[in-house]
Amino acid sequence: MQSSVDLLISDHAEFVSRHAKQYLKRGGILLAGDSHGDATIANSDSDFSFIGVLTRNAGQHQFSNNENESYFKRYKNDMKTTPI
């Protein structure tokens, strides 16, 4: 069962990136929101590569891979990492 899926989705869920990453195939995609910090946690995990941001504005979805650094900038001064 390990490494069996191409896509994991973490939508308003806590720490899918930690607890389910063993099921994600190498090269698979984790689509994670950050409402519970999962995107931030995945970004600090060397098993993941941050590839971009998916946003929605006026009902339109847009993917950008140019915002990688600025997406997490809001956390740089406030974030303390604690193992869970």
C-alpha atoms as a PDB file:
ATOM      1  CA  MET A   1       0.000   0.000   0.000  1.00  0.00           C
ATOM      2  CA  GLN A   2       2.917   2.385   0.502  1.00  0.00           C
ATOM      3  CA  SER A   3       3.798   4.671  -2.422  1.00  0.00           C
ATOM      4  CA  SER A   4       0.524   3.908  -4.151  1.00  0.00           C
ATOM      5  CA  VAL A   5      -1.041   7.298  -4.994  1.00  0.00           C
ATOM      6  CA  ASP A   6      -0.080  10.117  -7.369  1.00  0.00           C
ATOM      7  CA  LEU A   7      -1.929  12.878  -5.505  1.00  0.00           C
ATOM      8  CA  LEU A   8      -2.617  13.701  -1.856  1.00  0.00           C
ATOM      9  CA  ILE A   9      -5.026  16.538  -1.055  1.00  0.00           C
ATOM     10  CA  SER A  10      -4.921  18.300   2.286  1.00  0.00           C
ATOM     11  CA  ASP A  11      -7.896  20.657   2.471  1.00  0.00           C
ATOM     12  CA  HIS A  12      -8.602  21.944   5.975  1.00  0.00           C
ATOM     13  CA  ALA A  13      -6.854  18.903   7.406  1.00  0.00           C
ATOM     14  CA  GLU A  14      -3.956  18.802   9.785  1.00  0.00           C
ATOM     15  CA  PHE A  15      -0.574  17.387   8.831  1.00  0.00           C
ATOM     16  CA  VAL A  16      -1.508  15.139   5.902  1.00  0.00           C
ATOM     17  CA  SER A  17       2.011  15.831   4.666  1.00  0.00           C
ATOM     18  CA  ARG A  18       3.465  14.041   7.694  1.00  0.00           C
ATOM     19  CA  HIS A  19       0.981  11.264   8.290  1.00  0.00           C
ATOM     20  CA  ALA A  20       0.219  10.176   4.719  1.00  0.00           C
ATOM     21  CA  LYS A  21       3.364  10.969   2.742  1.00  0.00           C
ATOM     22  CA  GLN A  22       4.400   7.287   2.778  1.00  0.00           C
ATOM     23  CA  TYR A  23       1.462   6.629   0.421  1.00  0.00           C
ATOM     24  CA  LEU A  24       2.572   9.231  -2.137  1.00  0.00           C
ATOM     25  CA  LYS A  25       4.545   7.918  -5.104  1.00  0.00           C
ATOM     26  CA  ARG A  26       7.933   9.475  -5.789  1.00  0.00           C
ATOM     27  CA  GLY A  27       7.242  12.452  -8.051  1.00  0.00           C
ATOM     28  CA  GLY A  28       3.618  12.612  -6.846  1.00  0.00           C
ATOM     29  CA  ILE A  29       1.917  15.836  -5.815  1.00  0.00           C
ATOM     30  CA  LEU A  30       0.723  17.025  -2.423  1.00  0.00           C
ATOM     31  CA  LEU A  31      -1.911  19.732  -2.855  1.00  0.00           C
ATOM     32  CA  ALA A  32      -1.986  21.400   0.548  1.00  0.00           C
ATOM     33  CA  GLY A  33      -3.779  24.420   1.889  1.00  0.00           C
ATOM     34  CA  ASP A  34      -2.246  26.271   4.789  1.00  0.00           C
ATOM     35  CA  SER A  35      -5.301  26.912   6.947  1.00  0.00           C
ATOM     36  CA  HIS A  36      -3.971  24.337   9.419  1.00  0.00           C
ATOM     37  CA  GLY A  37      -0.300  24.814   8.541  1.00  0.00           C
ATOM     38  CA  ASP A  38       0.125  21.745   6.364  1.00  0.00           C
ATOM     39  CA  ALA A  39       1.706  23.607   3.439  1.00  0.00           C
ATOM     40  CA  THR A  40       4.169  25.237   5.845  1.00  0.00           C
ATOM     41  CA  ILE A  41       5.066  21.877   7.378  1.00  0.00           C
ATOM     42  CA  ALA A  42       5.488  20.251   3.968  1.00  0.00           C
ATOM     43  CA  ASN A  43       7.669  23.169   2.864  1.00  0.00           C
ATOM     44  CA  SER A  44      10.045  22.463   5.755  1.00  0.00           C
ATOM     45  CA  ASP A  45      10.219  18.727   4.922  1.00  0.00           C
ATOM     46  CA  SER A  46      13.076  17.833   2.563  1.00  0.00           C
ATOM     47  CA  ASP A  47      11.000  14.979   1.089  1.00  0.00           C
ATOM     48  CA  PHE A  48       8.837  17.604  -0.647  1.00  0.00           C
ATOM     49  CA  SER A  49       9.679  20.220  -3.269  1.00  0.00           C
ATOM     50  CA  PHE A  50       7.531  23.342  -3.308  1.00  0.00           C
ATOM     51  CA  ILE A  51       6.380  23.853  -6.891  1.00  0.00           C
ATOM     52  CA  GLY A  52       3.891  26.699  -6.692  1.00  0.00           C
ATOM     53  CA  VAL A  53       0.760  28.349  -5.424  1.00  0.00           C
ATOM     54  CA  LEU A  54      -2.801  27.755  -6.601  1.00  0.00           C
ATOM     55  CA  THR A  55      -5.037  30.776  -6.033  1.00  0.00           C
ATOM     56  CA  ARG A  56      -8.644  31.653  -6.767  1.00  0.00           C
ATOM     57  CA  ASN A  57      -9.813  35.129  -7.628  1.00  0.00           C
ATOM     58  CA  ALA A  58     -13.304  35.976  -8.860  1.00  0.00           C
ATOM     59  CA  GLY A  59     -14.037  32.306  -9.445  1.00  0.00           C
ATOM     60  CA  GLN A  60     -10.938  31.773 -11.587  1.00  0.00           C
ATOM     61  CA  HIS A  61      -8.115  29.465 -10.525  1.00  0.00           C
ATOM     62  CA  GLN A  62      -4.518  30.303 -11.320  1.00  0.00           C
ATOM     63  CA  PHE A  63      -1.295  28.379 -10.745  1.00  0.00           C
ATOM     64  CA  SER A  64       1.909  30.322 -10.224  1.00  0.00           C
ATOM     65  CA  ASN A  65       5.389  29.019  -9.649  1.00  0.00           C
ATOM     66  CA  ASN A  66       6.821  32.526  -9.261  1.00  0.00           C
ATOM     67  CA  GLU A  67       5.567  33.120  -5.709  1.00  0.00           C
ATOM     68  CA  ASN A  68       7.387  30.332  -3.907  1.00  0.00           C
ATOM     69  CA  GLU A  69       9.444  32.548  -1.582  1.00  0.00           C
ATOM     70  CA  SER A  70       6.787  35.196  -0.952  1.00  0.00           C
ATOM     71  CA  TYR A  71       4.094  32.633  -0.060  1.00  0.00           C
ATOM     72  CA  PHE A  72       5.830  31.681   3.200  1.00  0.00           C
ATOM     73  CA  LYS A  73       7.352  35.109   3.904  1.00  0.00           C
ATOM     74  CA  ARG A  74       4.540  35.897   6.335  1.00  0.00           C
ATOM     75  CA  TYR A  75       5.775  33.102   8.614  1.00  0.00           C
ATOM     76  CA  LYS A  76       9.521  33.768   8.617  1.00  0.00           C
ATOM     77  CA  ASN A  77       9.611  35.894  11.775  1.00  0.00           C
ATOM     78  CA  ASP A  78       6.805  34.158  13.668  1.00  0.00           C
ATOM     79  CA  MET A  79       7.297  30.486  12.882  1.00  0.00           C
ATOM     80  CA  LYS A  80       8.804  28.187  15.462  1.00  0.00           C
ATOM     81  CA  THR A  81       9.160  24.603  14.379  1.00  0.00           C
ATOM     82  CA  THR A  82       8.306  21.926  16.878  1.00  0.00           C
ATOM     83  CA  PRO A  83       8.335  18.213  16.038  1.00  0.00           C
ATOM     84  CA  ILE A  84       4.905  16.664  16.248  1.00  0.00           C
END
